[in-house]
Protein backbone atom coordinates (compact mmCIF):
# COMPACT_ATOMS: atom_id res chain seq x y z
CA UNK A 1 5.57 -12.60 -26.20
CA UNK A 2 2.28 -10.67 -26.27
CA UNK A 3 0.29 -9.34 -23.43
CA UNK A 4 -2.74 -12.00 -22.01
CA UNK A 5 -6.08 -11.37 -23.86
CA UNK A 6 -8.58 -9.30 -21.81
CA UNK A 7 -10.94 -10.87 -19.46
CA UNK A 8 -14.21 -10.17 -19.46
CA UNK A 9 -14.99 -6.32 -19.70
CA UNK A 10 -17.45 -6.56 -23.07
CA UNK A 11 -19.80 -3.64 -22.07
CA UNK A 12 -16.74 -1.44 -20.50
CA UNK A 13 -14.60 -2.11 -23.45
CA UNK A 14 -17.62 -1.67 -25.93
CA UNK A 15 -18.39 1.94 -24.11
CA UNK A 16 -14.44 3.01 -24.59
CA UNK A 17 -14.74 2.27 -27.87
CA UNK A 18 -17.35 4.11 -29.28
CA UNK A 19 -16.03 7.29 -27.16
CA UNK A 20 -13.07 6.62 -29.06
CA UNK A 21 -14.63 6.55 -32.78
CA UNK A 22 -16.54 9.74 -31.32
CA UNK A 23 -13.59 11.36 -30.35
CA UNK A 24 -14.55 11.99 -27.02
CA UNK A 25 -11.85 9.76 -24.68
CA UNK A 26 -10.98 12.15 -21.88
CA UNK A 27 -7.02 13.16 -21.99
CA UNK A 28 -6.77 12.10 -18.42
CA UNK A 29 -8.03 9.42 -17.39
CA UNK A 30 -7.67 7.54 -13.37
CA UNK A 31 -8.07 3.50 -13.77
CA UNK A 32 -9.03 2.91 -9.90
CA UNK A 33 -10.04 -0.61 -8.55
CA UNK A 34 -8.49 -3.90 -6.07
CA UNK A 35 -5.31 -5.12 -6.94
CA UNK A 36 -4.38 -7.25 -9.84
CA UNK A 37 -7.86 -6.85 -11.27
CA UNK A 38 -6.84 -6.00 -14.46
CA UNK A 39 -6.71 -2.17 -14.76
CA UNK A 40 -2.81 -1.75 -16.21
CA UNK A 41 -4.29 -4.48 -18.52
CA UNK A 42 -7.15 -2.21 -19.66
CA UNK A 43 -5.33 0.97 -19.95
CA UNK A 44 -3.41 -0.68 -22.12
CA UNK A 45 -5.82 -1.44 -24.20
CA UNK A 46 -7.17 1.41 -24.41
CA UNK A 47 -4.18 2.87 -25.57
CA UNK A 48 -3.65 0.27 -27.77
CA UNK A 49 -7.23 1.60 -29.12
CA UNK A 50 -5.99 4.99 -29.33
CA UNK A 51 -2.80 4.03 -31.50
CA UNK A 52 -4.72 1.45 -34.04
CA UNK A 53 -5.25 3.80 -37.05
CA UNK A 54 -8.05 1.42 -38.13
CA UNK A 55 -9.88 1.04 -34.62
CA UNK A 56 -13.81 1.45 -34.88
CA UNK A 57 -16.48 1.44 -32.59
CA UNK A 58 -16.01 -2.33 -31.96
CA UNK A 59 -12.51 -1.50 -30.89
CA UNK A 60 -8.70 -1.63 -32.12
CA UNK A 61 -8.23 -4.25 -35.18
CA UNK A 62 -5.48 -6.54 -33.68
CA UNK A 63 -3.92 -7.28 -36.69
CA UNK A 64 -2.12 -3.90 -38.02
CA UNK A 65 1.59 -3.08 -37.07
CA UNK A 66 0.50 -0.53 -34.48
CA UNK A 67 -1.56 -3.55 -32.88
CA UNK A 68 0.92 -5.90 -32.90
CA UNK A 69 3.37 -3.46 -31.30
CA UNK A 70 1.18 -2.59 -28.31
CA UNK A 71 0.79 -5.85 -27.53
CA UNK A 72 4.18 -6.95 -27.34
CA UNK A 73 5.15 -3.28 -25.02
CA UNK A 74 7.09 -2.11 -28.12
CA UNK A 75 5.17 0.73 -29.41
CA UNK A 76 7.15 3.90 -29.83
CA UNK A 77 4.35 5.71 -28.83
CA UNK A 78 3.49 3.58 -25.58
CA UNK A 79 5.11 4.18 -22.77
CA UNK A 80 4.53 2.69 -19.55
CA UNK A 81 6.02 3.97 -16.09
CA UNK A 82 5.81 2.26 -12.59
CA UNK A 83 7.15 2.34 -9.31
CA UNK A 84 10.37 1.51 -8.66
CA UNK A 85 13.03 0.95 -5.97
CA UNK A 86 15.30 4.19 -5.27
CA UNK A 87 18.95 3.44 -6.73
CA UNK A 88 21.19 3.89 -3.45
CA UNK A 89 23.65 6.52 -2.85
CA UNK A 90 23.45 9.75 -3.01
CA UNK A 91 22.41 10.94 -6.87
CA UNK A 92 22.20 14.26 -9.17
CA UNK A 93 19.09 14.72 -10.61
CA UNK A 94 20.31 13.51 -14.03
CA UNK A 95 21.94 10.59 -12.81
CA UNK A 96 19.08 9.31 -10.76
CA UNK A 97 16.78 10.02 -13.75
CA UNK A 98 19.25 7.99 -15.83
CA UNK A 99 19.04 4.92 -13.34
CA UNK A 100 15.49 4.91 -12.72
CA UNK A 101 15.28 5.09 -17.19
CA UNK A 102 17.71 2.25 -17.05
CA UNK A 103 15.25 0.31 -14.27
CA UNK A 104 12.58 0.57 -16.40
CA UNK A 105 13.90 -0.32 -19.54
CA UNK A 106 15.14 -3.89 -17.51
CA UNK A 107 11.63 -4.40 -16.14
CA UNK A 108 10.21 -3.75 -18.82
CA UNK A 109 11.90 -6.34 -20.63
CA UNK A 110 11.06 -8.75 -17.86
CA UNK A 111 7.38 -7.96 -18.65
CA UNK A 112 7.48 -8.99 -21.87
CA UNK A 113 9.37 -12.18 -21.06
CA UNK A 114 6.67 -12.65 -19.30
CA UNK A 115 3.15 -11.01 -19.43
CA UNK A 116 1.33 -13.30 -17.19
CA UNK A 117 2.80 -13.20 -13.34
CA UNK A 118 1.06 -12.76 -10.01
CA UNK A 119 0.43 -9.14 -8.39
CA UNK A 120 2.76 -9.69 -4.86
CA UNK A 121 3.22 -7.42 -2.59
CA UNK A 122 6.42 -5.46 -2.86
CA UNK A 123 8.68 -6.07 0.19
CA UNK A 124 10.98 -3.12 -0.51
CA UNK A 125 10.02 0.55 -0.95
CA UNK A 126 9.19 1.89 -4.59
CA UNK A 127 8.13 5.21 -5.96
CA UNK A 128 7.20 7.25 -8.94
CA UNK A 129 9.39 9.34 -8.01
CA UNK A 130 10.04 13.28 -9.13
CA UNK A 131 13.06 12.14 -11.21
CA UNK A 132 10.71 9.61 -13.43
CA UNK A 133 7.96 12.79 -13.59
CA UNK A 134 10.29 14.74 -14.76
CA UNK A 135 11.24 12.47 -17.46
CA UNK A 136 7.75 11.96 -18.54
CA UNK A 137 7.12 15.20 -19.14
CA UNK A 138 10.40 15.73 -21.11
CA UNK A 139 9.29 12.74 -22.97
CA UNK A 140 5.10 13.84 -23.39
CA UNK A 141 6.51 17.17 -25.12
CA UNK A 142 7.95 15.26 -28.14
CA UNK A 143 6.02 14.81 -31.21
CA UNK A 144 4.71 11.07 -31.55
CA UNK A 145 7.01 8.62 -33.79
CA UNK A 146 3.98 6.73 -36.14
CA UNK A 147 0.88 8.35 -35.84
CA UNK A 148 -0.58 11.17 -34.28
CA UNK A 149 -1.43 10.12 -31.05
CA UNK A 150 1.13 9.09 -28.07
CA UNK A 151 -0.57 7.27 -24.64
CA UNK A 152 1.57 7.44 -21.05
CA UNK A 153 0.15 4.70 -18.96
CA UNK A 154 1.16 5.19 -15.34
CA UNK A 155 0.80 2.36 -12.80
CA UNK A 156 0.10 3.11 -9.37
CA UNK A 157 -0.63 6.24 -9.25
CA UNK A 158 -0.53 6.26 -5.25
CA UNK A 159 3.27 6.04 -5.24
CA UNK A 160 3.80 9.17 -6.93
CA UNK A 161 6.49 11.01 -4.11
CA UNK A 162 5.41 14.62 -3.87
CA UNK A 163 8.02 17.71 -3.32
CA UNK A 164 10.84 15.46 -3.56
CA UNK A 165 12.95 18.13 -4.70
CA UNK A 166 12.14 21.64 -6.42
CA UNK A 167 8.58 22.72 -6.46
CA UNK A 168 9.23 22.77 -9.98
CA UNK A 169 9.79 18.58 -10.27
CA UNK A 170 6.76 18.29 -7.68
CA UNK A 171 4.05 19.72 -10.03
CA UNK A 172 5.44 18.22 -13.21
CA UNK A 173 3.26 15.46 -13.87
CA UNK A 174 0.21 17.61 -12.36
CA UNK A 175 0.96 20.40 -15.16
CA UNK A 176 0.87 17.92 -17.76
CA UNK A 177 -2.31 15.92 -16.74
CA UNK A 178 -3.68 19.60 -16.52
CA UNK A 179 -2.72 20.62 -20.23
CA UNK A 180 -1.34 17.34 -21.92
CA UNK A 181 -0.01 18.08 -25.36
CA UNK A 182 -2.04 17.78 -28.72
CA UNK A 183 -2.31 13.88 -29.25
CA UNK A 184 -1.18 12.94 -25.87
CA UNK A 185 -3.33 10.76 -23.31
CA UNK A 186 -3.09 9.81 -19.62
CA UNK A 187 -3.72 7.06 -18.02
CA UNK A 188 -3.17 6.33 -14.72
CA UNK A 189 -3.81 3.14 -12.19
CA UNK A 190 -4.42 2.61 -8.28
CA UNK A 191 -5.82 0.25 -5.94
CA UNK A 192 -5.70 2.82 -3.32
CA UNK A 193 -7.71 6.21 -4.96
CA UNK A 194 -8.02 7.84 -1.74
CA UNK A 195 -4.11 7.75 -1.40
CA UNK A 196 -3.77 9.38 -4.77
CA UNK A 197 -2.65 13.41 -4.53
CA UNK A 198 -6.03 15.23 -4.25
CA UNK A 199 -4.54 17.31 -7.24
CA UNK A 200 -4.03 14.16 -9.37
CA UNK A 201 -7.77 13.12 -8.61
CA UNK A 202 -8.86 16.37 -9.73
CA UNK A 203 -7.39 16.23 -13.11
CA UNK A 204 -8.28 13.14 -13.93
CA UNK A 205 -11.52 11.14 -15.17
CA UNK A 206 -12.40 8.15 -12.76
CA UNK A 207 -12.76 4.79 -14.15
CA UNK A 208 -14.07 1.57 -11.81
CA UNK A 209 -12.17 -1.40 -13.09
CA UNK A 210 -14.60 -3.76 -10.66
CA UNK A 211 -13.49 -7.47 -9.88
CA UNK A 212 -14.15 -10.12 -12.09
CA UNK A 213 -16.21 -12.82 -11.51
CA UNK A 214 -14.96 -16.50 -10.04
CA UNK A 215 -15.79 -18.44 -12.79
CA UNK A 216 -13.95 -15.90 -15.57
CA UNK A 217 -10.62 -16.25 -13.25
CA UNK A 218 -11.11 -19.94 -13.36
CA UNK A 219 -11.50 -20.37 -16.97
CA UNK A 220 -8.87 -17.65 -17.44
CA UNK A 221 -6.96 -20.06 -15.08
CA UNK A 222 -7.36 -23.13 -17.37
CA UNK A 223 -7.53 -22.06 -20.59
CA UNK A 224 -4.86 -19.52 -20.82
CA UNK A 225 -2.30 -20.86 -18.15
CA UNK A 226 -2.88 -24.11 -18.33
CA UNK A 227 -4.11 -24.59 -14.55
CA UNK A 228 -5.10 -27.96 -13.89
CA UNK A 229 -8.68 -27.35 -13.17
CA UNK A 230 -8.83 -28.57 -9.42
CA UNK A 231 -6.20 -25.80 -8.89
CA UNK A 232 -7.44 -23.82 -11.08
CA UNK A 233 -10.94 -23.91 -8.93
CA UNK A 234 -9.44 -23.30 -5.53
CA UNK A 235 -7.30 -20.34 -6.78
CA UNK A 236 -9.86 -18.57 -8.01
CA UNK A 237 -12.19 -19.22 -4.81
CA UNK A 238 -9.36 -16.82 -2.94
CA UNK A 239 -8.88 -14.38 -5.97
CA UNK A 240 -11.69 -11.87 -4.88
CA UNK A 241 -12.12 -11.25 -8.11
CA UNK A 242 -8.53 -10.62 -9.35
CA UNK A 243 -6.90 -12.62 -11.72
CA UNK A 244 -3.48 -11.55 -10.83
CA UNK A 245 -3.92 -12.34 -6.92
CA UNK A 246 -5.07 -16.04 -8.29
CA UNK A 247 -2.06 -16.42 -9.83
CA UNK A 248 -0.18 -15.86 -6.84
CA UNK A 249 -2.21 -18.87 -5.11
CA UNK A 250 -0.74 -21.54 -7.68
CA UNK A 251 1.84 -23.62 -6.73
CA UNK A 252 5.64 -22.82 -8.54
CA UNK A 253 7.14 -26.38 -9.22
CA UNK A 254 6.60 -28.25 -5.45
CA UNK A 255 6.22 -24.72 -3.60
CA UNK A 256 3.31 -23.19 -2.93
CA UNK A 257 2.97 -20.17 -4.58
CA UNK A 258 4.13 -16.27 -3.22
CA UNK A 259 0.65 -15.22 -1.49
CA UNK A 260 0.09 -18.95 -0.64
CA UNK A 261 2.72 -18.63 1.38
CA UNK A 262 2.23 -15.36 3.00
CA UNK A 263 -1.51 -16.47 3.48
CA UNK A 264 -0.21 -19.80 5.38
CA UNK A 265 1.82 -16.98 7.68
CA UNK A 266 -0.93 -15.21 8.85
CA UNK A 267 -3.17 -18.10 10.00
CA UNK A 268 0.00 -19.18 11.49
CA UNK A 269 -0.05 -15.77 13.28
CA UNK A 270 -3.53 -16.16 14.15
CA UNK A 271 -3.03 -19.83 15.71
CA UNK A 272 -0.20 -18.25 17.60
CA UNK A 273 -2.33 -15.26 18.94
CA UNK A 274 -5.23 -18.20 19.89
CA UNK A 275 -2.91 -20.42 21.41
CA UNK A 276 -2.90 -21.34 25.26
CA UNK A 277 0.45 -20.26 25.29
CA UNK A 278 1.31 -16.68 25.32
CA UNK A 279 4.83 -17.99 24.70
CA UNK A 280 3.75 -19.47 21.23
CA UNK A 281 3.12 -16.10 20.15
CA UNK A 282 6.08 -14.31 21.30
CA UNK A 283 8.11 -17.07 19.29
CA UNK A 284 6.52 -16.15 16.25
CA UNK A 285 7.69 -12.37 16.80
CA UNK A 286 11.14 -14.02 16.87
CA UNK A 287 11.23 -15.88 13.77
CA UNK A 288 10.83 -12.84 11.85
CA UNK A 289 14.25 -10.29 11.09
CA UNK A 290 15.19 -7.68 12.78
CA UNK A 291 15.20 -5.23 9.66
CA UNK A 292 12.88 -4.69 6.42
CA UNK A 293 9.44 -3.82 8.03
CA UNK A 294 7.55 -3.13 5.00
CA UNK A 295 7.67 -6.84 4.26
CA UNK A 296 5.67 -7.33 6.85
CA UNK A 297 2.69 -5.12 4.65
CA UNK A 298 1.42 -8.00 2.48
CA UNK A 299 1.36 -10.43 5.41
CA UNK A 300 -0.78 -7.75 7.63
CA UNK A 301 -3.08 -7.58 4.69
CA UNK A 302 -3.52 -11.57 4.91
CA UNK A 303 -3.87 -11.54 8.50
CA UNK A 304 -6.47 -8.69 8.25
CA UNK A 305 -8.59 -10.86 5.62
CA UNK A 306 -8.39 -13.82 8.07
CA UNK A 307 -9.87 -11.81 10.74
CA UNK A 308 -12.79 -10.79 8.65
CA UNK A 309 -13.31 -14.22 8.24
CA UNK A 310 -12.95 -15.24 11.44
CA UNK A 311 -15.64 -11.92 11.77
CA UNK A 312 -17.75 -13.68 9.43
CA UNK A 313 -17.88 -17.07 11.21
CA UNK A 314 -18.41 -15.59 14.86
CA UNK A 315 -21.65 -14.05 12.41
CA UNK A 316 -23.08 -17.13 11.40
CA UNK A 317 -21.71 -15.99 7.66
CA UNK A 318 -19.73 -18.72 6.63
CA UNK A 319 -20.67 -18.39 3.36
CA UNK A 320 -18.59 -15.37 3.39
CA UNK A 321 -15.62 -16.74 3.75
CA UNK A 322 -12.88 -16.44 1.63
CA UNK A 323 -10.22 -19.33 2.98
CA UNK A 324 -13.15 -21.82 3.13
CA UNK A 325 -10.06 -24.40 3.79
CA UNK A 326 -9.67 -22.70 7.29
CA UNK A 327 -13.20 -22.67 8.51
CA UNK A 328 -13.20 -25.56 10.68
CA UNK A 329 -10.21 -23.78 12.74
CA UNK A 330 -12.35 -20.61 12.63
CA UNK A 331 -15.10 -21.89 13.92
CA UNK A 332 -13.63 -24.03 16.90
CA UNK A 333 -11.69 -20.79 17.54
CA UNK A 334 -14.99 -18.71 17.46
CA UNK A 335 -16.76 -21.22 20.08
CA UNK A 336 -13.55 -21.89 22.21
CA UNK A 337 -12.97 -18.49 23.04
CA UNK A 338 -16.49 -16.75 22.64
CA UNK A 339 -14.76 -14.66 20.02
CA UNK A 340 -18.07 -11.81 19.12
CA UNK A 341 -17.68 -10.50 15.69
CA UNK A 342 -17.33 -6.90 17.33
CA UNK A 343 -13.90 -8.09 18.70
CA UNK A 344 -12.83 -9.24 15.75
CA UNK A 345 -14.03 -6.22 13.78
CA UNK A 346 -11.63 -4.10 16.31
CA UNK A 347 -8.90 -6.50 15.96
CA UNK A 348 -9.03 -5.12 12.08
CA UNK A 349 -7.68 -1.85 13.41
CA UNK A 350 -4.80 -3.25 15.69
CA UNK A 351 -3.58 -4.82 12.31
CA UNK A 352 -3.90 -1.37 10.70
CA UNK A 353 -1.81 0.43 13.37
CA UNK A 354 0.35 -2.47 12.96
CA UNK A 355 0.67 -2.00 9.37
CA UNK A 356 1.54 1.84 10.10
CA UNK A 357 4.38 1.10 11.95
CA UNK A 358 5.80 -1.16 9.60
CA UNK A 359 5.72 1.17 7.15
CA UNK A 360 8.36 3.40 9.46
CA UNK A 361 11.99 2.26 10.42
CA UNK A 362 10.43 0.32 13.49
CA UNK A 363 11.81 -3.42 14.16
CA UNK A 364 9.60 -5.89 12.77
CA UNK A 365 10.13 -8.26 15.91
CA UNK A 366 8.86 -5.65 17.86
CA UNK A 367 5.76 -5.24 15.68
CA UNK A 368 4.73 -8.50 15.68
CA UNK A 369 4.91 -9.12 19.16
CA UNK A 370 3.09 -6.19 20.26
CA UNK A 371 0.61 -7.02 17.37
CA UNK A 372 0.35 -10.34 18.46
CA UNK A 373 -0.50 -9.35 22.50
CA UNK A 374 -2.84 -6.49 21.61
CA UNK A 375 -4.95 -9.49 19.30
CA UNK A 376 -4.98 -11.88 21.84
CA UNK A 377 -6.52 -9.10 24.44
CA UNK A 378 -8.70 -8.27 21.95
CA UNK A 379 -9.95 -11.60 20.80
CA UNK A 380 -9.96 -14.15 23.48
CA UNK A 381 -12.84 -13.80 25.94
CA UNK A 382 -12.09 -13.42 30.03
CA UNK A 383 -15.19 -15.94 30.47
CA UNK A 384 -13.85 -19.32 31.00
CA UNK A 385 -14.20 -21.11 27.55
CA UNK A 386 -17.29 -23.85 26.28
CA UNK A 387 -16.14 -26.90 27.17
CA UNK A 388 -13.58 -26.29 30.38
CA UNK A 389 -10.81 -24.50 28.24
CA UNK A 390 -8.75 -24.56 24.72
CA UNK A 391 -7.73 -27.93 23.56
């Protein structure tokens, strides 16, 4: 299997190709933009561009051995790193590095088999641990295998865990970014540039990867993935410019896609919040497991999106709603509870606070119960509802 072709980005890729032809590409870059918009794919294209011996102002040739190996993630001078779960149990540094490398190799094999995949929130803690940074730095000291260049792509750089062990380990990646060996290029990606270590940001050239137009996403789903047009149109409408996100809304067999399932749960929580019965919210909270609070983070992100849609409807900006199929529900909620845009905006902060709790070791049931009660107080007006009450 090979990587899917890049969608759009013609001007960006042209600029990068011309910079490569002029030998002016920076040695360290930070690609940033929303989740699932193709940052990692652009990074891998840049790697292919650098590794292709026939590359010119138009880009890589796409035909040589280096190109074929790059797009199949098999080039010996293309090294892709990404956050991984930490192996359980106490480990020596060497043992931890070995187990993380085994996990990386296994994950790369899965990606080769399934190069087109949805961007789905992680349900367990992952990180770019110092053992990974140390292994990466050691690999970078070696000479390239096939040509004059080697490229390291480091996905989700905000997951770099600082100062896990010694000071030397904590600075391993920083030293490499500051003084990469000759012929070595490092390309980092992130959806949260503000969470990337400031010392890393100062050593890399930022490059923004913006969302894609809805039509380009729809075309990719239809032509590349083979999605029926009605499903592709719906997923593209929910994608917010992200192919990875769009893929998560496509049904799998007779089941909803992973992101569609989370989206439905988020609106279930919003409906429970606005229910006449407080017990409905408490019942929704009890339905969550008593542990693994990190699994709430993706759900809370969708709940925030639902609240933004609620604020848009309250402000009369229906055209800004992302979840178009919920407009009737949102209109009814605004009308019956006299919800003001500012209240919906304040509710976003409450979800953010709950997300911070979910990042720690707090009981998910308590987090959800407390959040729904807080949202209820914020959103439901004390004034009599229009028409005499909720239905």
